[in-house]
Amino acid sequence: MPRTSLPRNLRTVGAVAALAASLTLTGCGFDAQTLQTYPPAHGINVDVAGGPKVRNLLVIANAAGKGQLSASIVAGATGDRLTAVAATPIKADSTAGAALTVSAANVMLPAGTLVVLTDPAVAPIVITGADLKPGLTAKVGLTFASGASQEVVVPVMDAANPVYTTAAPALR
């Protein structure tokens, strides 16, 4: 009697191949978790259109409403200068608070050089206001001499957290 089915070992190999293919393709797609960007830091990353790259942008603040802007910035091949910062707190009910007072910003950004805003060699950008509270967020606008600008929502981190002791010692 002629045999019409596939040999058993060939069926097993086919089943294993199908299982392997299904497991491999399970995570595929345009919205797969591994395709999502994730900055492994508390702040946010911003690539300013026509301007520098800003990394780990956040505000470090104390309970009294005094804070400091924190970020690492790298300008492109021509360099740039951070000329102005504006900030508005976002209150717990998601409404905008009163505009925050921000000290003058004049941070030179040499071409291809990392500039850390909390470095003691850089004049701190101080932000104050009654609605500036750790645990909330703030809308921060950055303006550069090149004409590039960006407005983003950043977290407000607690200056009492030991992680920020060296970044903003005056706020403790």
C-alpha atoms as a PDB file:
ATOM      1  CA  MET A   1       0.000   0.000   0.000  1.00  0.00           C
ATOM      2  CA  PRO A   2       1.510   3.329  -1.008  1.00  0.00           C
ATOM      3  CA  ARG A   3       2.209   5.817   1.721  1.00  0.00           C
ATOM      4  CA  THR A   4       0.465   9.187   1.158  1.00  0.00           C
ATOM      5  CA  SER A   5       1.493  11.142   4.247  1.00  0.00           C
ATOM      6  CA  LEU A   6       4.844  12.822   4.945  1.00  0.00           C
ATOM      7  CA  PRO A   7       7.428  11.011   7.023  1.00  0.00           C
ATOM      8  CA  ARG A   8       7.133  11.698  10.737  1.00  0.00           C
ATOM      9  CA  ASN A   9      10.517  13.420  11.091  1.00  0.00           C
ATOM     10  CA  LEU A  10       9.702  15.792   8.205  1.00  0.00           C
ATOM     11  CA  ARG A  11       6.396  16.749   9.879  1.00  0.00           C
ATOM     12  CA  THR A  12       8.247  17.433  13.148  1.00  0.00           C
ATOM     13  CA  VAL A  13      10.806  19.656  11.393  1.00  0.00           C
ATOM     14  CA  GLY A  14       7.969  21.563   9.696  1.00  0.00           C
ATOM     15  CA  ALA A  15       6.133  22.068  12.997  1.00  0.00           C
ATOM     16  CA  VAL A  16       9.287  23.329  14.721  1.00  0.00           C
ATOM     17  CA  ALA A  17      10.000  25.727  11.845  1.00  0.00           C
ATOM     18  CA  ALA A  18       6.442  27.084  11.961  1.00  0.00           C
ATOM     19  CA  LEU A  19       6.650  27.569  15.738  1.00  0.00           C
ATOM     20  CA  ALA A  20      10.001  29.358  15.461  1.00  0.00           C
ATOM     21  CA  ALA A  21       8.672  31.648  12.719  1.00  0.00           C
ATOM     22  CA  SER A  22       5.552  32.518  14.725  1.00  0.00           C
ATOM     23  CA  LEU A  23       7.617  33.359  17.832  1.00  0.00           C
ATOM     24  CA  THR A  24      10.011  35.465  15.776  1.00  0.00           C
ATOM     25  CA  LEU A  25       7.250  37.432  14.066  1.00  0.00           C
ATOM     26  CA  THR A  26       5.182  38.017  17.218  1.00  0.00           C
ATOM     27  CA  GLY A  27       7.040  41.233  18.146  1.00  0.00           C
ATOM     28  CA  CYS A  28       7.132  42.626  14.615  1.00  0.00           C
ATOM     29  CA  GLY A  29       5.234  45.766  13.711  1.00  0.00           C
ATOM     30  CA  PHE A  30       5.675  49.506  13.598  1.00  0.00           C
ATOM     31  CA  ASP A  31       4.592  50.028  17.194  1.00  0.00           C
ATOM     32  CA  ALA A  32       6.631  47.266  18.810  1.00  0.00           C
ATOM     33  CA  GLN A  33       7.926  48.135  22.271  1.00  0.00           C
ATOM     34  CA  THR A  34      11.528  47.751  21.149  1.00  0.00           C
ATOM     35  CA  LEU A  35      11.025  50.379  18.437  1.00  0.00           C
ATOM     36  CA  GLN A  36       9.901  53.074  20.888  1.00  0.00           C
ATOM     37  CA  THR A  37      12.521  55.607  21.970  1.00  0.00           C
ATOM     38  CA  TYR A  38      13.187  55.718  25.666  1.00  0.00           C
ATOM     39  CA  PRO A  39      15.596  58.087  27.351  1.00  0.00           C
ATOM     40  CA  PRO A  40      17.023  56.247  30.382  1.00  0.00           C
ATOM     41  CA  ALA A  41      16.946  59.443  32.447  1.00  0.00           C
ATOM     42  CA  HIS A  42      14.482  61.588  34.370  1.00  0.00           C
ATOM     43  CA  GLY A  43      14.508  64.431  31.844  1.00  0.00           C
ATOM     44  CA  ILE A  44      13.532  64.558  28.198  1.00  0.00           C
ATOM     45  CA  ASN A  45      15.584  64.624  25.016  1.00  0.00           C
ATOM     46  CA  VAL A  46      14.995  67.281  22.363  1.00  0.00           C
ATOM     47  CA  ASP A  47      16.565  67.643  18.937  1.00  0.00           C
ATOM     48  CA  VAL A  48      15.898  71.320  18.238  1.00  0.00           C
ATOM     49  CA  ALA A  49      15.094  71.807  14.541  1.00  0.00           C
ATOM     50  CA  GLY A  50      17.985  73.752  13.032  1.00  0.00           C
ATOM     51  CA  GLY A  51      19.713  73.862  16.401  1.00  0.00           C
ATOM     52  CA  PRO A  52      21.469  71.858  19.090  1.00  0.00           C
ATOM     53  CA  LYS A  53      20.646  68.514  20.671  1.00  0.00           C
ATOM     54  CA  VAL A  54      19.404  68.806  24.251  1.00  0.00           C
ATOM     55  CA  ARG A  55      19.581  65.791  26.543  1.00  0.00           C
ATOM     56  CA  ASN A  56      17.995  65.105  29.958  1.00  0.00           C
ATOM     57  CA  LEU A  57      16.226  68.479  30.108  1.00  0.00           C
ATOM     58  CA  LEU A  58      14.454  69.015  33.426  1.00  0.00           C
ATOM     59  CA  VAL A  59      13.980  71.491  36.250  1.00  0.00           C
ATOM     60  CA  ILE A  60      15.373  70.735  39.702  1.00  0.00           C
ATOM     61  CA  ALA A  61      13.329  72.597  42.344  1.00  0.00           C
ATOM     62  CA  ASN A  62      12.769  72.785  46.070  1.00  0.00           C
ATOM     63  CA  ALA A  63       9.434  73.018  47.889  1.00  0.00           C
ATOM     64  CA  ALA A  64       9.832  76.817  48.223  1.00  0.00           C
ATOM     65  CA  GLY A  65       9.499  77.282  44.439  1.00  0.00           C
ATOM     66  CA  LYS A  66      13.146  77.919  43.584  1.00  0.00           C
ATOM     67  CA  GLY A  67      14.673  75.827  40.825  1.00  0.00           C
ATOM     68  CA  GLN A  68      17.449  75.434  38.316  1.00  0.00           C
ATOM     69  CA  LEU A  69      17.397  74.295  34.699  1.00  0.00           C
ATOM     70  CA  SER A  70      19.378  71.123  34.102  1.00  0.00           C
ATOM     71  CA  ALA A  71      20.412  69.687  30.716  1.00  0.00           C
ATOM     72  CA  SER A  72      23.324  68.604  28.570  1.00  0.00           C
ATOM     73  CA  ILE A  73      23.524  70.423  25.221  1.00  0.00           C
ATOM     74  CA  VAL A  74      25.616  69.790  22.120  1.00  0.00           C
ATOM     75  CA  ALA A  75      25.605  72.299  19.256  1.00  0.00           C
ATOM     76  CA  GLY A  76      26.241  71.350  15.653  1.00  0.00           C
ATOM     77  CA  ALA A  77      29.300  72.077  13.518  1.00  0.00           C
ATOM     78  CA  THR A  78      28.875  75.868  13.702  1.00  0.00           C
ATOM     79  CA  GLY A  79      28.268  76.195  17.439  1.00  0.00           C
ATOM     80  CA  ASP A  80      25.467  78.247  18.994  1.00  0.00           C
ATOM     81  CA  ARG A  81      24.444  80.111  22.147  1.00  0.00           C
ATOM     82  CA  LEU A  82      21.470  79.637  24.450  1.00  0.00           C
ATOM     83  CA  THR A  83      20.099  83.165  24.709  1.00  0.00           C
ATOM     84  CA  ALA A  84      16.763  82.859  26.492  1.00  0.00           C
ATOM     85  CA  VAL A  85      14.681  80.488  28.589  1.00  0.00           C
ATOM     86  CA  ALA A  86      10.994  80.946  29.382  1.00  0.00           C
ATOM     87  CA  ALA A  87       8.991  78.717  31.709  1.00  0.00           C
ATOM     88  CA  THR A  88       5.413  78.217  32.842  1.00  0.00           C
ATOM     89  CA  PRO A  89       4.453  75.674  35.495  1.00  0.00           C
ATOM     90  CA  ILE A  90       1.708  73.158  34.875  1.00  0.00           C
ATOM     91  CA  LYS A  91      -0.326  72.780  38.055  1.00  0.00           C
ATOM     92  CA  ALA A  92      -1.727  69.521  39.445  1.00  0.00           C
ATOM     93  CA  ASP A  93      -5.103  70.214  37.787  1.00  0.00           C
ATOM     94  CA  SER A  94      -3.313  70.458  34.372  1.00  0.00           C
ATOM     95  CA  THR A  95      -3.850  74.210  34.070  1.00  0.00           C
ATOM     96  CA  ALA A  96      -1.015  76.624  33.438  1.00  0.00           C
ATOM     97  CA  GLY A  97       0.280  78.523  36.430  1.00  0.00           C
ATOM     98  CA  ALA A  98       1.663  82.047  36.438  1.00  0.00           C
ATOM     99  CA  ALA A  99       4.768  82.527  34.288  1.00  0.00           C
ATOM    100  CA  LEU A 100       7.945  81.708  36.167  1.00  0.00           C
ATOM    101  CA  THR A 101      10.804  84.143  36.652  1.00  0.00           C
ATOM    102  CA  VAL A 102      13.893  82.918  34.809  1.00  0.00           C
ATOM    103  CA  SER A 103      17.375  84.386  35.172  1.00  0.00           C
ATOM    104  CA  ALA A 104      19.204  85.580  32.067  1.00  0.00           C
ATOM    105  CA  ALA A 105      20.593  82.849  29.854  1.00  0.00           C
ATOM    106  CA  ASN A 106      23.834  83.354  27.975  1.00  0.00           C
ATOM    107  CA  VAL A 107      25.395  79.937  27.537  1.00  0.00           C
ATOM    108  CA  MET A 108      28.028  79.520  24.842  1.00  0.00           C
ATOM    109  CA  LEU A 109      27.756  76.229  22.953  1.00  0.00           C
ATOM    110  CA  PRO A 110      31.035  75.550  21.110  1.00  0.00           C
ATOM    111  CA  ALA A 111      30.747  73.338  18.044  1.00  0.00           C
ATOM    112  CA  GLY A 112      30.600  69.645  18.916  1.00  0.00           C
ATOM    113  CA  THR A 113      31.267  70.216  22.623  1.00  0.00           C
ATOM    114  CA  LEU A 114      29.022  68.932  25.414  1.00  0.00           C
ATOM    115  CA  VAL A 115      27.908  71.738  27.742  1.00  0.00           C
ATOM    116  CA  VAL A 116      26.263  70.710  31.028  1.00  0.00           C
ATOM    117  CA  LEU A 117      24.051  73.459  32.472  1.00  0.00           C
ATOM    118  CA  THR A 118      24.653  72.321  36.070  1.00  0.00           C
ATOM    119  CA  ASP A 119      28.447  72.427  35.678  1.00  0.00           C
ATOM    120  CA  PRO A 120      29.936  74.938  38.178  1.00  0.00           C
ATOM    121  CA  ALA A 121      31.749  76.621  35.258  1.00  0.00           C
ATOM    122  CA  VAL A 122      28.379  77.539  33.679  1.00  0.00           C
ATOM    123  CA  ALA A 123      26.241  80.298  35.209  1.00  0.00           C
ATOM    124  CA  PRO A 124      23.104  78.595  36.577  1.00  0.00           C
ATOM    125  CA  ILE A 125      19.749  79.331  34.968  1.00  0.00           C
ATOM    126  CA  VAL A 126      17.584  79.954  38.030  1.00  0.00           C
ATOM    127  CA  ILE A 127      13.808  79.537  37.804  1.00  0.00           C
ATOM    128  CA  THR A 128      11.450  80.747  40.554  1.00  0.00           C
ATOM    129  CA  GLY A 129       7.725  80.953  41.137  1.00  0.00           C
ATOM    130  CA  ALA A 130       5.024  80.030  43.622  1.00  0.00           C
ATOM    131  CA  ASP A 131       3.598  77.318  41.349  1.00  0.00           C
ATOM    132  CA  LEU A 132       6.961  75.616  40.717  1.00  0.00           C
ATOM    133  CA  LYS A 133       6.650  72.382  42.684  1.00  0.00           C
ATOM    134  CA  PRO A 134       8.620  69.121  42.588  1.00  0.00           C
ATOM    135  CA  GLY A 135       6.610  66.263  41.129  1.00  0.00           C
ATOM    136  CA  LEU A 136       4.769  68.444  38.621  1.00  0.00           C
ATOM    137  CA  THR A 137       5.800  69.579  35.133  1.00  0.00           C
ATOM    138  CA  ALA A 138       6.665  72.865  33.469  1.00  0.00           C
ATOM    139  CA  LYS A 139       6.533  74.138  29.907  1.00  0.00           C
ATOM    140  CA  VAL A 140      10.030  75.356  29.043  1.00  0.00           C
ATOM    141  CA  GLY A 141      10.965  77.347  25.969  1.00  0.00           C
ATOM    142  CA  LEU A 142      14.575  77.477  24.770  1.00  0.00           C
ATOM    143  CA  THR A 143      15.808  80.130  22.332  1.00  0.00           C
ATOM    144  CA  PHE A 144      19.199  80.037  20.619  1.00  0.00           C
ATOM    145  CA  ALA A 145      21.270  82.716  18.854  1.00  0.00           C
ATOM    146  CA  SER A 146      20.934  80.786  15.588  1.00  0.00           C
ATOM    147  CA  GLY A 147      17.192  81.521  15.668  1.00  0.00           C
ATOM    148  CA  ALA A 148      16.278  77.969  16.599  1.00  0.00           C
ATOM    149  CA  SER A 149      13.778  77.565  19.397  1.00  0.00           C
ATOM    150  CA  GLN A 150      11.793  74.787  21.030  1.00  0.00           C
ATOM    151  CA  GLU A 151       9.061  74.586  23.647  1.00  0.00           C
ATOM    152  CA  VAL A 152       8.624  71.335  25.586  1.00  0.00           C
ATOM    153  CA  VAL A 153       7.044  70.023  28.769  1.00  0.00           C
ATOM    154  CA  VAL A 154       9.645  68.834  31.278  1.00  0.00           C
ATOM    155  CA  PRO A 155       9.465  67.191  34.696  1.00  0.00           C
ATOM    156  CA  VAL A 156      10.193  69.155  37.860  1.00  0.00           C
ATOM    157  CA  MET A 157      12.403  67.006  40.072  1.00  0.00           C
ATOM    158  CA  ASP A 158      12.835  67.381  43.832  1.00  0.00           C
ATOM    159  CA  ALA A 159      16.102  69.046  44.889  1.00  0.00           C
ATOM    160  CA  ALA A 160      15.925  67.077  48.162  1.00  0.00           C
ATOM    161  CA  ASN A 161      16.495  63.855  46.197  1.00  0.00           C
ATOM    162  CA  PRO A 162      20.126  62.773  46.739  1.00  0.00           C
ATOM    163  CA  VAL A 163      20.495  62.221  42.983  1.00  0.00           C
ATOM    164  CA  TYR A 164      20.430  66.008  42.506  1.00  0.00           C
ATOM    165  CA  THR A 165      22.697  66.998  45.415  1.00  0.00           C
ATOM    166  CA  THR A 166      25.676  67.738  43.181  1.00  0.00           C
ATOM    167  CA  ALA A 167      23.617  69.167  40.320  1.00  0.00           C
ATOM    168  CA  ALA A 168      21.861  71.849  42.361  1.00  0.00           C
ATOM    169  CA  PRO A 169      23.496  72.165  45.793  1.00  0.00           C
ATOM    170  CA  ALA A 170      22.155  75.715  46.374  1.00  0.00           C
ATOM    171  CA  LEU A 171      18.569  74.412  46.348  1.00  0.00           C
ATOM    172  CA  ARG A 172      18.926  72.076  49.335  1.00  0.00           C
END
